[in-house]
Amino acid sequence: MDEKELLELSEEIVLALVKLSMGEKPGFLSGGVYKKLASHNRFNEIKACYIEHLEQFKGTYENAQELKSLTDFRYRIVEIYNS
């Protein structure tokens, strides 16, 4: 998986989490991640990973270490989703 694919998939996962948490339900034309996420066998781990990231997030990324935490989050959430 290249960097672009990683960014796109991690964004799809996060957007699907937000939509599901707001009570939206995937429709017929919804993307695969959104349709499958709620029934994913590691759904609770994916949610926990996102929660952990949000708890550490200060509202902005001001230095390299904070930006690295975003990259680490992206890799981790995709790894959980793909396993």
N, C-alpha and C. Protein backbone atom coordinates (compact mmCIF):
# COMPACT_ATOMS: atom_id res chain seq x y z
N MET A 1 0.86 -1.18 0.00
CA MET A 1 0.00 0.00 0.00
C MET A 1 0.90 1.24 0.00
N ASP A 2 0.68 2.12 -0.96
CA ASP A 2 1.49 3.33 -1.00
C ASP A 2 0.87 4.41 -0.09
N GLU A 3 1.58 5.52 0.01
CA GLU A 3 1.16 6.57 0.94
C GLU A 3 -0.21 7.14 0.59
N LYS A 4 -0.47 7.33 -0.69
CA LYS A 4 -1.76 7.88 -1.12
C LYS A 4 -2.91 6.95 -0.73
N GLU A 5 -2.72 5.66 -0.95
CA GLU A 5 -3.74 4.68 -0.59
C GLU A 5 -3.97 4.66 0.92
N LEU A 6 -2.88 4.76 1.69
CA LEU A 6 -2.99 4.79 3.14
C LEU A 6 -3.80 6.01 3.59
N LEU A 7 -3.50 7.17 3.03
CA LEU A 7 -4.22 8.39 3.39
C LEU A 7 -5.69 8.27 3.05
N GLU A 8 -5.99 7.76 1.86
CA GLU A 8 -7.38 7.63 1.44
C GLU A 8 -8.16 6.65 2.30
N LEU A 9 -7.57 5.49 2.58
CA LEU A 9 -8.27 4.48 3.39
C LEU A 9 -8.46 4.97 4.82
N SER A 10 -7.45 5.58 5.41
CA SER A 10 -7.60 6.07 6.78
C SER A 10 -8.68 7.14 6.84
N GLU A 11 -8.75 7.99 5.83
CA GLU A 11 -9.79 9.01 5.79
C GLU A 11 -11.18 8.39 5.64
N GLU A 12 -11.29 7.38 4.79
CA GLU A 12 -12.57 6.67 4.62
C GLU A 12 -13.03 6.06 5.94
N ILE A 13 -12.11 5.46 6.67
CA ILE A 13 -12.44 4.82 7.95
C ILE A 13 -12.94 5.86 8.94
N VAL A 14 -12.23 6.97 9.05
CA VAL A 14 -12.62 8.03 10.00
C VAL A 14 -13.96 8.62 9.60
N LEU A 15 -14.16 8.91 8.33
CA LEU A 15 -15.44 9.47 7.89
C LEU A 15 -16.59 8.50 8.15
N ALA A 16 -16.33 7.22 7.93
CA ALA A 16 -17.37 6.21 8.20
C ALA A 16 -17.69 6.16 9.69
N LEU A 17 -16.68 6.24 10.54
CA LEU A 17 -16.91 6.27 11.99
C LEU A 17 -17.78 7.45 12.39
N VAL A 18 -17.46 8.61 11.84
CA VAL A 18 -18.23 9.81 12.17
C VAL A 18 -19.67 9.67 11.71
N LYS A 19 -19.87 9.22 10.49
CA LYS A 19 -21.24 9.05 9.98
C LYS A 19 -22.03 8.05 10.81
N LEU A 20 -21.42 6.93 11.12
CA LEU A 20 -22.11 5.92 11.92
C LEU A 20 -22.43 6.45 13.31
N SER A 21 -21.50 7.18 13.90
CA SER A 21 -21.73 7.70 15.26
C SER A 21 -22.81 8.78 15.28
N MET A 22 -23.08 9.39 14.13
CA MET A 22 -24.13 10.40 14.04
C MET A 22 -25.48 9.79 13.63
N GLY A 23 -25.53 8.47 13.59
CA GLY A 23 -26.79 7.78 13.32
C GLY A 23 -27.10 7.59 11.85
N GLU A 24 -26.17 7.94 10.98
CA GLU A 24 -26.40 7.74 9.55
C GLU A 24 -26.20 6.26 9.21
N LYS A 25 -26.96 5.81 8.25
CA LYS A 25 -26.83 4.42 7.81
C LYS A 25 -26.39 4.41 6.35
N PRO A 26 -25.49 3.49 6.02
CA PRO A 26 -25.03 3.43 4.63
C PRO A 26 -26.16 3.05 3.68
N GLY A 27 -26.16 3.70 2.53
CA GLY A 27 -27.14 3.40 1.51
C GLY A 27 -26.57 2.46 0.46
N PHE A 28 -27.35 2.22 -0.54
CA PHE A 28 -26.97 1.29 -1.60
C PHE A 28 -25.69 1.72 -2.32
N LEU A 29 -25.51 3.01 -2.51
CA LEU A 29 -24.36 3.51 -3.25
C LEU A 29 -23.19 3.91 -2.34
N SER A 30 -23.29 3.66 -1.06
CA SER A 30 -22.22 4.01 -0.13
C SER A 30 -20.98 3.18 -0.40
N GLY A 31 -19.83 3.74 -0.06
CA GLY A 31 -18.56 3.04 -0.24
C GLY A 31 -18.45 1.80 0.63
N GLY A 32 -17.54 0.92 0.26
CA GLY A 32 -17.38 -0.35 0.95
C GLY A 32 -16.99 -0.23 2.40
N VAL A 33 -16.10 0.70 2.72
CA VAL A 33 -15.67 0.87 4.12
C VAL A 33 -16.87 1.24 4.97
N TYR A 34 -17.64 2.20 4.52
CA TYR A 34 -18.81 2.67 5.26
C TYR A 34 -19.83 1.54 5.45
N LYS A 35 -20.03 0.74 4.44
CA LYS A 35 -20.99 -0.36 4.52
C LYS A 35 -20.54 -1.45 5.48
N LYS A 36 -19.23 -1.73 5.50
CA LYS A 36 -18.71 -2.88 6.25
C LYS A 36 -18.23 -2.55 7.66
N LEU A 37 -18.00 -1.28 7.96
CA LEU A 37 -17.30 -0.93 9.20
C LEU A 37 -18.03 -1.40 10.46
N ALA A 38 -19.32 -1.17 10.55
CA ALA A 38 -20.06 -1.52 11.77
C ALA A 38 -20.04 -3.02 12.06
N SER A 39 -19.88 -3.83 11.04
CA SER A 39 -19.85 -5.28 11.25
C SER A 39 -18.42 -5.84 11.21
N HIS A 40 -17.44 -4.96 11.13
CA HIS A 40 -16.03 -5.40 11.09
C HIS A 40 -15.71 -6.13 12.39
N ASN A 41 -14.96 -7.23 12.30
CA ASN A 41 -14.68 -8.03 13.49
C ASN A 41 -13.79 -7.30 14.50
N ARG A 42 -13.14 -6.22 14.10
CA ARG A 42 -12.31 -5.44 15.03
C ARG A 42 -12.84 -4.01 15.17
N PHE A 43 -14.15 -3.84 15.01
CA PHE A 43 -14.78 -2.53 15.07
C PHE A 43 -14.48 -1.81 16.38
N ASN A 44 -14.53 -2.52 17.50
CA ASN A 44 -14.26 -1.87 18.79
C ASN A 44 -12.82 -1.39 18.88
N GLU A 45 -11.89 -2.13 18.30
CA GLU A 45 -10.49 -1.70 18.29
C GLU A 45 -10.30 -0.46 17.41
N ILE A 46 -11.00 -0.41 16.31
CA ILE A 46 -10.94 0.75 15.42
C ILE A 46 -11.48 1.98 16.14
N LYS A 47 -12.60 1.82 16.82
CA LYS A 47 -13.16 2.94 17.59
C LYS A 47 -12.20 3.38 18.69
N ALA A 48 -11.61 2.43 19.39
CA ALA A 48 -10.68 2.76 20.47
C ALA A 48 -9.46 3.49 19.94
N CYS A 49 -8.97 3.09 18.79
CA CYS A 49 -7.82 3.74 18.17
C CYS A 49 -8.16 5.19 17.85
N TYR A 50 -9.32 5.43 17.30
CA TYR A 50 -9.76 6.79 16.96
C TYR A 50 -9.94 7.62 18.22
N ILE A 51 -10.54 7.05 19.24
CA ILE A 51 -10.74 7.76 20.50
C ILE A 51 -9.41 8.16 21.12
N GLU A 52 -8.47 7.22 21.12
CA GLU A 52 -7.14 7.50 21.66
C GLU A 52 -6.47 8.65 20.91
N HIS A 53 -6.61 8.64 19.60
CA HIS A 53 -6.03 9.72 18.80
C HIS A 53 -6.69 11.06 19.15
N LEU A 54 -7.99 11.08 19.25
CA LEU A 54 -8.70 12.32 19.57
C LEU A 54 -8.34 12.85 20.95
N GLU A 55 -8.16 11.95 21.90
CA GLU A 55 -7.80 12.37 23.26
C GLU A 55 -6.44 13.06 23.30
N GLN A 56 -5.54 12.67 22.41
CA GLN A 56 -4.21 13.28 22.39
C GLN A 56 -4.15 14.53 21.50
N PHE A 57 -5.11 14.67 20.61
CA PHE A 57 -5.12 15.77 19.65
C PHE A 57 -5.47 17.08 20.34
N LYS A 58 -4.69 18.12 20.07
CA LYS A 58 -4.87 19.43 20.72
C LYS A 58 -5.60 20.44 19.84
N GLY A 59 -6.03 20.02 18.67
CA GLY A 59 -6.73 20.94 17.78
C GLY A 59 -5.88 21.40 16.61
N THR A 60 -4.59 21.15 16.68
CA THR A 60 -3.67 21.51 15.61
C THR A 60 -2.39 20.71 15.76
N TYR A 61 -1.65 20.63 14.67
CA TYR A 61 -0.35 19.95 14.69
C TYR A 61 0.72 21.03 14.56
N GLU A 62 1.44 21.29 15.63
CA GLU A 62 2.37 22.41 15.66
C GLU A 62 3.83 22.03 15.49
N ASN A 63 4.15 20.75 15.58
CA ASN A 63 5.54 20.35 15.42
C ASN A 63 5.62 18.96 14.79
N ALA A 64 6.84 18.55 14.51
CA ALA A 64 7.04 17.27 13.82
C ALA A 64 6.54 16.09 14.64
N GLN A 65 6.71 16.13 15.94
CA GLN A 65 6.27 15.02 16.80
C GLN A 65 4.75 14.86 16.76
N GLU A 66 4.04 15.98 16.79
CA GLU A 66 2.58 15.93 16.72
C GLU A 66 2.12 15.43 15.35
N LEU A 67 2.80 15.87 14.30
CA LEU A 67 2.46 15.40 12.96
C LEU A 67 2.76 13.92 12.81
N LYS A 68 3.82 13.45 13.44
CA LYS A 68 4.16 12.03 13.43
C LYS A 68 3.05 11.22 14.10
N SER A 69 2.45 11.78 15.14
CA SER A 69 1.37 11.06 15.82
C SER A 69 0.18 10.85 14.88
N LEU A 70 -0.06 11.80 13.99
CA LEU A 70 -1.13 11.64 12.99
C LEU A 70 -0.78 10.51 12.02
N THR A 71 0.45 10.50 11.56
CA THR A 71 0.89 9.46 10.64
C THR A 71 0.81 8.09 11.31
N ASP A 72 1.25 8.01 12.56
CA ASP A 72 1.18 6.74 13.30
C ASP A 72 -0.27 6.28 13.44
N PHE A 73 -1.17 7.22 13.72
CA PHE A 73 -2.59 6.90 13.83
C PHE A 73 -3.11 6.33 12.51
N ARG A 74 -2.76 6.97 11.41
CA ARG A 74 -3.22 6.50 10.10
C ARG A 74 -2.76 5.07 9.84
N TYR A 75 -1.48 4.80 10.09
CA TYR A 75 -0.96 3.44 9.89
C TYR A 75 -1.68 2.44 10.79
N ARG A 76 -1.87 2.82 12.03
CA ARG A 76 -2.48 1.90 12.99
C ARG A 76 -3.93 1.58 12.65
N ILE A 77 -4.71 2.60 12.32
CA ILE A 77 -6.13 2.34 12.05
C ILE A 77 -6.31 1.52 10.77
N VAL A 78 -5.44 1.74 9.78
CA VAL A 78 -5.51 0.95 8.55
C VAL A 78 -5.06 -0.48 8.82
N GLU A 79 -4.04 -0.63 9.63
CA GLU A 79 -3.56 -1.99 9.99
C GLU A 79 -4.67 -2.77 10.69
N ILE A 80 -5.35 -2.15 11.63
CA ILE A 80 -6.45 -2.82 12.33
C ILE A 80 -7.55 -3.17 11.34
N TYR A 81 -7.92 -2.23 10.48
CA TYR A 81 -8.99 -2.46 9.51
C TYR A 81 -8.66 -3.60 8.56
N ASN A 82 -7.42 -3.67 8.11
CA ASN A 82 -7.02 -4.67 7.12
C ASN A 82 -6.75 -6.06 7.72
N SER A 83 -6.72 -6.17 9.02
CA SER A 83 -6.42 -7.49 9.61
C SER A 83 -7.69 -8.25 9.96
